[in-house]
Amino acid sequence: MGRTVVVLGGGISGLAACYHLSRAPRPPKVVLVEGSPRLGGWIRSVQGPDGAIFELGPRGIRPAGALGARTLLMVSELGLDSEVLPVRGNHPAALNRFLYVGGALHALPTGLRGLLRPSPPFSKPLFWAGLRELTQPRGKEPDETVHSFAERRLGPEVASLAMDSLCRGVFAGNSRELSIRSCFPSLFQAEQTHRSILLGLLLGAGQSPQPDSALIRQARAERWSQWSLRGGLEMLPQALDTHLTNRGVNILRGQPVCRLSLQAEGRWKVSLGDSSLEADHIISAIPASALSELLPAEAAPLAGVLRTISAVSVAVVNLQYRGARLPVQGFGHLVPSAEDPGVLGIVYDSVAFPEQDGSPPGLRVTVMLGGSWLQTLAAGGALSQELFQQQAQEAAATQLGLKEPPSHCLVHLHKNCIPQYTVGHWQKLEAAKQFLAAQRLPLTLAGASYEGVAVNDCIESGRQAAFSVLGTEPHPDPHTLQP
């Protein structure tokens, strides 16, 4: 009898874990348990009546770095190369990003010229913030908020406009609560290692070996900023589903786990609604708080830590307009919290991926709603589709001049979809690791709750979990090129 590994959660992290387990030279028996009827988690693409593609979750994946390359390698191994839609480095969606401040759109400065001249909404050229940064001493604390880090190193304007917006765009969170160490580890490490984030980013963290494939080489040569798939990003979990089924992975959908218990011989019993499974090892790719509810009494200290990793909700409103034009061309714009407590930003989907506009093509934008406004609403129980639609249409009208009513609108509230790495998050991860090691629990944690919320981070967390269960180090892929 071989070992049985049960993977909890059929989002992209759980799928990636199953993928790497199933491709081992001597794969264990793998069972994937997903509570909902569909796989893919927050990655979900919907086709409109005219063939347009609307992303309800993530809408583009970055190819940069070793993690970006590994995701592209998986795309190739799944036979999806011909479906990839790239945004090349010279494209407006790669070059232009905007901030909406003081009732107007401002292009974020790019290149040397952009840094040397004053560019609103910043009152001084950003060159001065950079100069200040090079002379600042290293921080003394093991962690701090993103806001205090940015204010200390780059000044109050960059902190309250740029970093505040960035935290809203990436984490739908508050820069005065989020941790610099866990949310932006490369900035934190740059300061620790080089005393300066600019020096750190210039000198680099040393290239790790990167996987190599025709698709990865193309992405590098054309300097892709992001990519999607022709039928939407959900093609990725769908291809993984097919691949895993062909490799004999047992996929159970619509089967929520109700509890986990430890048997006498150190195996797990996974209790589902009306049946149960036995497992030698569990990879949990469900949210930390969900796992905390399932753990047995023996793991109470771990459950206590996991319970403190919270998440925020985001309302995603996809809008399509007939015969409309955007005032600017770019990836989209972010909105600082001081400007609007509810609108996080607007993505200009049609600029990056016109291939998904449908026929006849309509202009697609996505308004992201969240932040303190949404938390207050949720606390009062006043959440309604109509309210979100109204807010989104007003934002599109005010911020982009899209005054006509949209021809198509989709509203989705994603409850607790983005984990929040607040200050001290790293200590929670340490405590969890130490408990698992000390108790020798056959449990491995994966997913967005721990070390990164982007799609690439989630896929990597699944890969790392699989390799730790297989007892092999994540090997550099056989076709790895040293940079």
Protein backbone atom coordinates (compact mmCIF):
# COMPACT_ATOMS: atom_id res chain seq x y z
CA MET A 1 0.00 0.00 0.00
CA GLY A 2 1.42 3.38 -1.01
CA ARG A 3 0.91 6.53 0.98
CA THR A 4 -2.28 8.54 0.65
CA VAL A 5 -2.05 12.33 0.56
CA VAL A 6 -5.28 14.29 0.92
CA VAL A 7 -5.22 17.87 -0.39
CA LEU A 8 -7.86 20.19 1.05
CA GLY A 9 -9.06 22.93 -1.28
CA GLY A 10 -9.34 22.89 -5.06
CA GLY A 11 -8.23 26.47 -5.63
CA ILE A 12 -5.05 27.11 -7.61
CA SER A 13 -2.80 26.29 -4.58
CA GLY A 14 -4.40 22.88 -4.00
CA LEU A 15 -4.41 22.12 -7.74
CA ALA A 16 -0.69 23.01 -7.98
CA ALA A 17 0.08 20.74 -5.00
CA CYS A 18 -1.76 17.83 -6.68
CA TYR A 19 0.00 18.58 -9.97
CA HIS A 20 3.48 18.26 -8.45
CA LEU A 21 2.54 15.24 -6.31
CA SER A 22 1.11 13.43 -9.35
CA ARG A 23 4.24 14.05 -11.44
CA ALA A 24 6.65 12.52 -8.89
CA PRO A 25 8.62 9.46 -10.09
CA ARG A 26 6.67 7.32 -7.57
CA PRO A 27 3.55 9.35 -6.89
CA PRO A 28 1.52 8.73 -3.73
CA LYS A 29 -2.23 8.18 -3.96
CA VAL A 30 -3.66 11.72 -4.15
CA VAL A 31 -7.19 12.77 -3.21
CA LEU A 32 -8.31 16.38 -3.74
CA VAL A 33 -11.28 17.49 -1.62
CA GLU A 34 -13.14 20.65 -2.63
CA GLY A 35 -16.17 21.93 -0.72
CA SER A 36 -17.82 23.71 -3.65
CA PRO A 37 -19.02 22.16 -6.92
CA ARG A 38 -16.25 23.82 -8.97
CA LEU A 39 -12.44 23.95 -8.96
CA GLY A 40 -10.32 27.07 -9.35
CA GLY A 41 -11.18 28.99 -6.18
CA TRP A 42 -11.12 32.75 -6.79
CA ILE A 43 -10.01 32.27 -10.41
CA ARG A 44 -13.24 32.43 -12.37
CA SER A 45 -13.93 33.57 -15.93
CA VAL A 46 -17.39 34.14 -17.37
CA GLN A 47 -18.32 34.52 -21.01
CA GLY A 48 -20.82 37.26 -21.92
CA PRO A 49 -23.57 36.87 -24.53
CA ASP A 50 -21.33 38.45 -27.22
CA GLY A 51 -18.35 36.20 -26.41
CA ALA A 52 -16.58 38.78 -24.22
CA ILE A 53 -14.60 37.34 -21.30
CA PHE A 54 -15.14 38.73 -17.81
CA GLU A 55 -12.73 37.85 -15.00
CA LEU A 56 -14.43 37.68 -11.60
CA GLY A 57 -11.09 37.23 -9.82
CA PRO A 58 -7.45 37.64 -10.91
CA ARG A 59 -7.16 38.90 -14.50
CA GLY A 60 -3.50 38.66 -15.43
CA ILE A 61 -0.41 36.81 -14.22
CA ARG A 62 3.05 38.35 -14.02
CA PRO A 63 5.79 36.33 -15.77
CA ALA A 64 8.67 37.98 -13.85
CA GLY A 65 11.21 36.11 -11.73
CA ALA A 66 11.64 32.43 -10.98
CA LEU A 67 8.02 32.09 -9.79
CA GLY A 68 6.61 33.69 -12.94
CA ALA A 69 8.81 31.41 -15.06
CA ARG A 70 7.66 28.30 -13.17
CA THR A 71 4.01 29.15 -13.81
CA LEU A 72 4.76 29.56 -17.53
CA LEU A 73 6.54 26.18 -17.50
CA MET A 74 3.40 24.59 -16.06
CA VAL A 75 1.29 26.35 -18.73
CA SER A 76 3.51 24.73 -21.40
CA GLU A 77 3.39 21.30 -19.74
CA LEU A 78 -0.42 21.56 -19.74
CA GLY A 79 -0.37 22.27 -23.49
CA LEU A 80 -1.77 25.79 -23.19
CA ASP A 81 0.95 27.72 -25.11
CA SER A 82 -1.31 28.55 -28.04
CA GLU A 83 -3.93 30.05 -25.67
CA VAL A 84 -1.58 32.56 -24.00
CA LEU A 85 -2.34 36.25 -24.51
CA PRO A 86 0.75 38.32 -23.60
CA VAL A 87 1.05 42.03 -22.77
CA ARG A 88 4.44 42.92 -24.26
CA GLY A 89 6.80 45.44 -22.68
CA ASN A 90 6.16 48.18 -25.23
CA HIS A 91 2.35 48.04 -24.81
CA PRO A 92 0.40 50.88 -23.07
CA ALA A 93 -0.95 48.36 -20.53
CA ALA A 94 2.67 47.53 -19.61
CA LEU A 95 3.95 51.11 -19.60
CA ASN A 96 1.15 53.19 -18.08
CA ARG A 97 -0.40 53.05 -14.62
CA PHE A 98 -2.37 55.88 -13.08
CA LEU A 99 -3.38 57.29 -9.70
CA TYR A 100 -6.72 59.02 -9.27
CA VAL A 101 -6.00 61.92 -6.90
CA GLY A 102 -7.75 65.27 -6.43
CA GLY A 103 -10.45 64.29 -8.91
CA ALA A 104 -7.99 63.68 -11.79
CA LEU A 105 -5.96 60.85 -13.31
CA HIS A 106 -2.18 61.17 -12.99
CA ALA A 107 0.28 58.94 -14.83
CA LEU A 108 2.80 57.34 -12.48
CA PRO A 109 6.27 58.53 -13.48
CA THR A 110 8.36 56.06 -15.49
CA GLY A 111 11.97 56.21 -16.60
CA LEU A 112 14.64 58.69 -15.57
CA ARG A 113 12.94 61.76 -17.04
CA GLY A 114 9.80 60.95 -15.11
CA LEU A 115 11.78 60.84 -11.86
CA LEU A 116 13.66 64.11 -12.44
CA ARG A 117 10.70 66.40 -13.06
CA PRO A 118 7.79 67.10 -10.73
CA SER A 119 4.91 64.82 -11.66
CA PRO A 120 1.56 65.49 -9.98
CA PRO A 121 0.12 64.31 -7.63
CA PHE A 122 3.64 64.44 -6.09
CA SER A 123 4.75 67.97 -5.23
CA LYS A 124 8.50 67.33 -5.76
CA PRO A 125 10.33 65.17 -8.31
CA LEU A 126 10.50 61.60 -6.99
CA PHE A 127 14.28 61.84 -7.42
CA TRP A 128 14.36 63.64 -4.04
CA ALA A 129 12.47 60.83 -2.32
CA GLY A 130 15.08 58.47 -3.80
CA LEU A 131 17.95 60.64 -2.58
CA ARG A 132 16.42 60.76 0.89
CA GLU A 133 16.03 56.98 0.79
CA LEU A 134 19.75 56.41 0.06
CA THR A 135 20.75 58.36 3.18
CA GLN A 136 18.22 56.91 5.65
CA PRO A 137 19.57 54.56 8.35
CA ARG A 138 18.37 50.97 8.47
CA GLY A 139 15.19 50.30 10.49
CA LYS A 140 15.68 48.70 13.93
CA GLU A 141 12.39 46.80 14.25
CA PRO A 142 11.85 43.18 13.08
CA ASP A 143 8.66 44.37 11.34
CA GLU A 144 6.60 47.54 10.85
CA THR A 145 3.60 48.74 8.88
CA VAL A 146 3.99 49.41 5.16
CA HIS A 147 3.00 53.03 5.87
CA SER A 148 5.66 53.66 8.52
CA PHE A 149 8.34 51.96 6.42
CA ALA A 150 7.46 54.05 3.34
CA GLU A 151 7.15 57.27 5.34
CA ARG A 152 10.51 56.66 7.04
CA ARG A 153 12.36 55.82 3.84
CA LEU A 154 10.53 57.72 1.08
CA GLY A 155 8.63 60.50 2.82
CA PRO A 156 4.98 61.19 3.71
CA GLU A 157 3.75 61.85 0.15
CA VAL A 158 4.98 58.57 -1.33
CA ALA A 159 3.62 56.76 1.75
CA SER A 160 0.12 58.30 1.69
CA LEU A 161 -0.36 58.34 -2.09
CA ALA A 162 1.68 55.56 -3.72
CA MET A 163 2.08 52.92 -0.99
CA ASP A 164 -1.43 53.44 0.37
CA SER A 165 -2.82 52.83 -3.15
CA LEU A 166 -0.53 49.88 -3.79
CA CYS A 167 -1.73 48.13 -0.61
CA ARG A 168 -5.30 48.71 -1.74
CA GLY A 169 -4.55 47.42 -5.25
CA VAL A 170 -2.72 44.25 -4.18
CA PHE A 171 -4.24 43.36 -0.80
CA ALA A 172 -7.44 45.50 -0.73
CA GLY A 173 -5.91 46.45 2.62
CA ASN A 174 -4.76 49.29 4.82
CA SER A 175 -1.08 50.31 4.60
CA ARG A 176 -1.26 51.40 8.27
CA GLU A 177 -2.01 47.80 9.33
CA LEU A 178 -0.22 45.62 6.75
CA SER A 179 3.30 44.31 7.38
CA ILE A 180 6.20 45.44 5.19
CA ARG A 181 8.11 42.24 6.02
CA SER A 182 5.33 39.91 4.84
CA CYS A 183 3.59 41.99 2.15
CA PHE A 184 6.67 43.37 0.37
CA PRO A 185 9.50 41.02 1.40
CA SER A 186 11.85 42.25 -1.35
CA LEU A 187 11.68 45.84 -0.01
CA PHE A 188 12.17 44.64 3.57
CA GLN A 189 15.13 42.42 2.58
CA ALA A 190 16.70 45.19 0.48
CA GLU A 191 16.79 47.48 3.51
CA GLN A 192 18.10 44.70 5.79
CA THR A 193 20.84 43.62 3.37
CA HIS A 194 21.86 46.86 1.64
CA ARG A 195 20.57 49.51 4.10
CA SER A 196 18.60 50.96 1.17
CA ILE A 197 15.71 49.69 -0.93
CA LEU A 198 17.06 51.44 -4.03
CA LEU A 199 20.52 49.89 -3.66
CA GLY A 200 18.93 46.56 -2.82
CA LEU A 201 16.74 46.60 -5.91
CA LEU A 202 19.64 47.78 -8.12
CA LEU A 203 22.09 45.17 -6.82
CA GLY A 204 19.42 42.49 -6.77
CA ALA A 205 19.01 39.58 -4.44
CA GLY A 206 21.19 37.36 -6.63
CA GLN A 207 19.44 35.45 -9.41
CA SER A 208 18.18 32.03 -8.52
CA PRO A 209 18.34 29.47 -11.33
CA GLN A 210 15.25 29.76 -13.48
CA PRO A 211 13.43 27.11 -15.45
CA ASP A 212 13.69 27.39 -19.19
CA SER A 213 11.23 26.78 -22.03
CA ALA A 214 10.34 28.33 -25.37
CA LEU A 215 7.45 30.25 -23.74
CA ILE A 216 9.70 31.58 -20.93
CA ARG A 217 12.32 32.71 -23.46
CA GLN A 218 9.61 34.48 -25.49
CA ALA A 219 8.28 36.23 -22.35
CA ARG A 220 11.80 37.46 -21.54
CA ALA A 221 12.62 38.54 -25.07
CA GLU A 222 9.35 40.48 -25.43
CA ARG A 223 9.51 41.78 -21.80
CA TRP A 224 5.95 40.69 -20.99
CA SER A 225 4.41 42.59 -18.09
CA GLN A 226 1.56 40.09 -17.68
CA TRP A 227 -0.37 37.43 -19.57
CA SER A 228 -3.78 35.80 -19.66
CA LEU A 229 -5.42 32.94 -21.56
CA ARG A 230 -7.77 33.31 -24.50
CA GLY A 231 -10.81 31.93 -22.68
CA GLY A 232 -9.85 33.67 -19.42
CA LEU A 233 -7.57 32.57 -16.59
CA GLU A 234 -10.01 29.84 -15.56
CA MET A 235 -8.59 27.81 -18.46
CA LEU A 236 -5.62 27.13 -16.13
CA PRO A 237 -7.56 25.34 -13.33
CA GLN A 238 -9.67 23.60 -15.99
CA ALA A 239 -6.55 22.24 -17.70
CA LEU A 240 -5.18 21.15 -14.31
CA ASP A 241 -8.47 19.37 -13.58
CA THR A 242 -8.19 17.36 -16.83
CA HIS A 243 -4.48 16.65 -16.31
CA LEU A 244 -4.98 15.43 -12.72
CA THR A 245 -7.94 13.23 -13.66
CA ASN A 246 -5.80 11.61 -16.39
CA ARG A 247 -3.06 10.97 -13.83
CA GLY A 248 -5.41 9.16 -11.49
CA VAL A 249 -5.91 11.88 -8.88
CA ASN A 250 -9.25 11.32 -7.17
CA ILE A 251 -11.13 14.66 -7.20
CA LEU A 252 -14.10 15.06 -4.84
CA ARG A 253 -16.20 18.18 -5.47
CA GLY A 254 -19.05 19.54 -3.42
CA GLN A 255 -17.63 17.70 -0.39
CA PRO A 256 -16.93 20.12 2.46
CA VAL A 257 -14.69 18.71 5.19
CA CYS A 258 -16.38 18.89 8.59
CA ARG A 259 -13.47 17.77 10.79
CA LEU A 260 -9.99 16.30 10.95
CA SER A 261 -9.04 13.79 13.63
CA LEU A 262 -5.84 11.90 14.41
CA GLN A 263 -5.94 8.08 14.58
CA ALA A 264 -3.82 6.01 16.94
CA GLU A 265 -1.18 5.19 14.30
CA GLY A 266 -0.63 8.85 13.37
CA ARG A 267 -2.87 8.85 10.30
CA TRP A 268 -5.59 11.38 9.69
CA LYS A 269 -9.28 10.73 9.46
CA VAL A 270 -10.89 13.31 7.18
CA SER A 271 -14.62 13.50 7.91
CA LEU A 272 -16.85 14.63 5.05
CA GLY A 273 -20.62 15.06 5.24
CA ASP A 274 -21.58 11.38 5.16
CA SER A 275 -18.30 9.59 4.55
CA SER A 276 -14.66 9.77 5.56
CA LEU A 277 -11.14 9.28 4.15
CA GLU A 278 -7.90 8.16 5.71
CA ALA A 279 -4.70 10.02 4.94
CA ASP A 280 -1.03 9.58 5.78
CA HIS A 281 -0.50 13.27 5.13
CA ILE A 282 -2.69 16.34 4.59
CA ILE A 283 -1.84 19.41 2.55
CA SER A 284 -4.22 22.18 3.57
CA ALA A 285 -4.79 24.73 0.79
CA ILE A 286 -7.91 26.21 2.38
CA PRO A 287 -7.87 29.59 4.21
CA ALA A 288 -6.08 29.51 7.58
CA SER A 289 -9.25 30.46 9.47
CA ALA A 290 -11.20 27.63 7.78
CA LEU A 291 -8.49 25.12 8.74
CA SER A 292 -8.54 26.37 12.35
CA GLU A 293 -12.20 25.25 12.63
CA LEU A 294 -11.39 21.68 11.50
CA LEU A 295 -8.35 20.84 13.61
CA PRO A 296 -8.59 18.35 16.49
CA ALA A 297 -8.05 19.29 20.16
CA GLU A 298 -4.40 18.11 20.00
CA ALA A 299 -3.70 20.92 17.55
CA ALA A 300 -5.46 23.67 19.54
CA PRO A 301 -2.32 25.87 19.74
CA LEU A 302 -1.99 25.75 15.93
CA ALA A 303 -5.70 26.52 15.48
CA GLY A 304 -5.26 29.50 17.79
CA VAL A 305 -2.52 30.97 15.59
CA LEU A 306 -4.37 30.26 12.31
CA ARG A 307 -7.54 31.90 13.60
CA THR A 308 -5.70 35.24 13.80
CA ILE A 309 -4.93 35.31 10.05
CA SER A 310 -7.94 37.26 8.82
CA ALA A 311 -9.05 38.21 5.31
CA VAL A 312 -11.00 41.05 3.67
CA SER A 313 -13.86 41.05 1.17
CA VAL A 314 -13.83 42.69 -2.25
CA ALA A 315 -16.77 43.47 -4.53
CA VAL A 316 -15.77 43.05 -8.18
CA VAL A 317 -17.96 44.86 -10.72
CA ASN A 318 -17.37 44.03 -14.40
CA LEU A 319 -18.75 46.69 -16.73
CA GLN A 320 -19.01 46.68 -20.51
CA TYR A 321 -19.79 49.76 -22.59
CA ARG A 322 -20.77 49.98 -26.25
CA GLY A 323 -19.04 52.58 -28.41
CA ALA A 324 -17.22 54.15 -25.46
CA ARG A 325 -13.59 55.28 -25.26
CA LEU A 326 -11.22 55.63 -22.34
CA PRO A 327 -9.59 59.02 -21.67
CA VAL A 328 -6.19 57.29 -21.20
CA GLN A 329 -4.53 54.05 -22.29
CA GLY A 330 -2.91 51.88 -19.64
CA PHE A 331 -3.28 48.99 -17.22
CA GLY A 332 -5.69 50.87 -14.97
CA HIS A 333 -5.68 53.25 -12.04
CA LEU A 334 -5.54 53.00 -8.26
CA VAL A 335 -7.33 55.25 -5.78
CA PRO A 336 -5.75 56.24 -2.44
CA SER A 337 -7.98 55.76 0.60
CA ALA A 338 -8.09 59.52 1.28
CA GLU A 339 -9.62 60.05 -2.18
CA ASP A 340 -12.35 57.40 -1.90
CA PRO A 341 -12.77 54.95 0.98
CA GLY A 342 -14.72 52.46 -1.18
CA VAL A 343 -13.20 52.40 -4.68
CA LEU A 344 -9.83 50.59 -4.67
CA GLY A 345 -9.20 51.10 -8.36
CA ILE A 346 -10.36 50.38 -11.91
CA VAL A 347 -8.68 47.96 -14.32
CA TYR A 348 -8.94 48.74 -18.05
CA ASP A 349 -9.39 45.15 -19.22
CA SER A 350 -9.87 46.04 -22.90
CA VAL A 351 -6.49 47.79 -23.10
CA ALA A 352 -4.50 44.75 -21.93
CA PHE A 353 -6.59 42.02 -23.57
CA PRO A 354 -8.62 43.38 -26.53
CA GLU A 355 -8.84 39.76 -27.79
CA GLN A 356 -11.42 39.16 -25.04
CA ASP A 357 -13.70 42.08 -26.00
CA GLY A 358 -16.27 39.94 -27.81
CA SER A 359 -17.94 40.77 -31.10
CA PRO A 360 -18.83 43.48 -31.83
CA PRO A 361 -16.15 44.61 -29.36
CA GLY A 362 -17.30 46.49 -26.26
CA LEU A 363 -15.09 48.36 -23.78
CA ARG A 364 -14.53 46.30 -20.61
CA VAL A 365 -13.44 47.77 -17.28
CA THR A 366 -13.53 46.27 -13.79
CA VAL A 367 -14.21 48.37 -10.72
CA MET A 368 -12.83 46.97 -7.44
CA LEU A 369 -14.73 47.99 -4.32
CA GLY A 370 -13.47 47.31 -0.80
CA GLY A 371 -11.56 48.96 2.00
CA SER A 372 -13.02 50.56 5.11
CA TRP A 373 -16.24 51.51 3.27
CA LEU A 374 -17.04 47.84 2.56
CA GLN A 375 -16.11 46.75 6.10
CA THR A 376 -18.48 49.36 7.58
CA LEU A 377 -21.26 48.31 5.19
CA ALA A 378 -20.77 44.62 5.95
CA ALA A 379 -20.88 45.31 9.69
CA GLY A 380 -24.26 47.04 9.18
CA GLY A 381 -25.48 44.21 6.94
CA ALA A 382 -26.25 46.67 4.13
CA LEU A 383 -24.67 44.79 1.23
CA SER A 384 -26.65 44.68 -1.99
CA GLN A 385 -25.85 44.04 -5.64
CA GLU A 386 -27.67 47.25 -6.59
CA LEU A 387 -25.51 49.33 -4.26
CA PHE A 388 -22.29 47.85 -5.67
CA GLN A 389 -23.46 48.38 -9.24
CA GLN A 390 -24.42 51.97 -8.49
CA GLN A 391 -21.07 52.70 -6.79
CA ALA A 392 -19.13 51.14 -9.67
CA GLN A 393 -21.06 53.01 -12.39
CA GLU A 394 -20.59 56.28 -10.52
CA ALA A 395 -16.84 55.62 -10.23
CA ALA A 396 -16.58 54.80 -13.96
CA ALA A 397 -18.55 57.98 -14.81
CA THR A 398 -16.61 60.28 -12.46
CA GLN A 399 -13.12 58.85 -12.85
CA LEU A 400 -13.18 57.76 -16.52
CA GLY A 401 -16.00 59.84 -18.00
CA LEU A 402 -18.03 56.72 -18.90
CA LYS A 403 -21.39 58.44 -18.44
CA GLU A 404 -23.64 56.19 -20.54
CA PRO A 405 -25.18 53.21 -18.73
CA PRO A 406 -23.19 49.98 -19.36
CA SER A 407 -24.52 47.41 -21.84
CA HIS A 408 -23.51 44.57 -19.51
CA CYS A 409 -22.78 44.43 -15.79
CA LEU A 410 -21.70 41.63 -13.43
CA VAL A 411 -21.52 42.12 -9.66
CA HIS A 412 -19.74 39.64 -7.39
CA LEU A 413 -18.98 39.99 -3.70
CA HIS A 414 -16.01 37.81 -2.78
CA LYS A 415 -16.23 37.28 0.98
CA ASN A 416 -12.87 37.06 2.79
CA CYS A 417 -10.99 36.59 -0.47
CA ILE A 418 -7.68 38.33 0.35
CA PRO A 419 -5.72 37.36 3.48
CA GLN A 420 -4.24 40.30 5.39
CA TYR A 421 -0.62 39.99 6.51
CA THR A 422 -0.70 42.44 9.40
CA VAL A 423 2.40 43.46 11.39
CA GLY A 424 3.90 40.40 13.10
CA HIS A 425 2.50 37.96 10.50
CA TRP A 426 5.99 36.39 10.23
CA GLN A 427 5.79 35.37 13.91
CA LYS A 428 2.51 33.55 13.29
CA LEU A 429 4.17 31.56 10.47
CA GLU A 430 7.15 30.74 12.75
CA ALA A 431 4.83 29.60 15.54
CA ALA A 432 2.85 27.38 13.13
CA LYS A 433 6.05 25.84 11.69
CA GLN A 434 7.47 25.18 15.14
CA PHE A 435 4.27 23.52 16.36
CA LEU A 436 4.03 21.27 13.27
CA ALA A 437 7.70 20.25 13.64
CA ALA A 438 7.57 19.68 17.41
CA GLN A 439 4.37 17.60 17.24
CA ARG A 440 5.51 15.83 14.03
CA LEU A 441 2.04 16.45 12.59
CA PRO A 442 1.69 15.08 9.04
CA LEU A 443 0.19 18.41 7.91
CA THR A 444 1.60 20.94 5.43
CA LEU A 445 0.19 24.44 4.92
CA ALA A 446 -0.26 26.00 1.49
CA GLY A 447 -2.31 28.78 -0.07
CA ALA A 448 -2.73 32.55 0.06
CA SER A 449 -3.00 32.75 3.88
CA TYR A 450 0.73 32.44 4.42
CA GLU A 451 3.41 33.71 2.03
CA GLY A 452 1.90 35.68 -0.84
CA VAL A 453 -1.54 36.30 -2.31
CA ALA A 454 -0.71 36.52 -6.04
CA VAL A 455 -1.47 33.57 -8.35
CA ASN A 456 2.26 32.83 -8.78
CA ASP A 457 2.74 32.77 -4.99
CA CYS A 458 -0.19 30.37 -4.57
CA ILE A 459 1.12 28.02 -7.26
CA GLU A 460 4.58 28.10 -5.65
CA SER A 461 3.12 27.36 -2.20
CA GLY A 462 1.44 24.26 -3.65
CA ARG A 463 4.70 23.20 -5.31
CA GLN A 464 6.69 23.66 -2.09
CA ALA A 465 4.06 21.72 -0.11
CA ALA A 466 4.18 18.82 -2.60
CA PHE A 467 7.98 18.62 -2.46
CA SER A 468 8.04 18.71 1.34
CA VAL A 469 5.54 15.80 1.42
CA LEU A 470 7.55 13.85 -1.16
CA GLY A 471 10.62 14.44 0.99
CA THR A 472 12.62 15.87 -1.89
CA GLU A 473 13.90 19.39 -2.20
CA PRO A 474 12.19 21.36 -4.96
CA HIS A 475 14.73 20.39 -7.59
CA PRO A 476 15.74 22.85 -10.24
CA ASP A 477 13.80 21.61 -13.25
CA PRO A 478 15.72 19.33 -15.63
CA HIS A 479 15.61 22.06 -18.28
CA THR A 480 16.96 24.80 -16.01
CA LEU A 481 19.26 27.46 -17.36
CA GLN A 482 21.57 29.35 -15.05
CA PRO A 483 20.88 33.06 -15.69
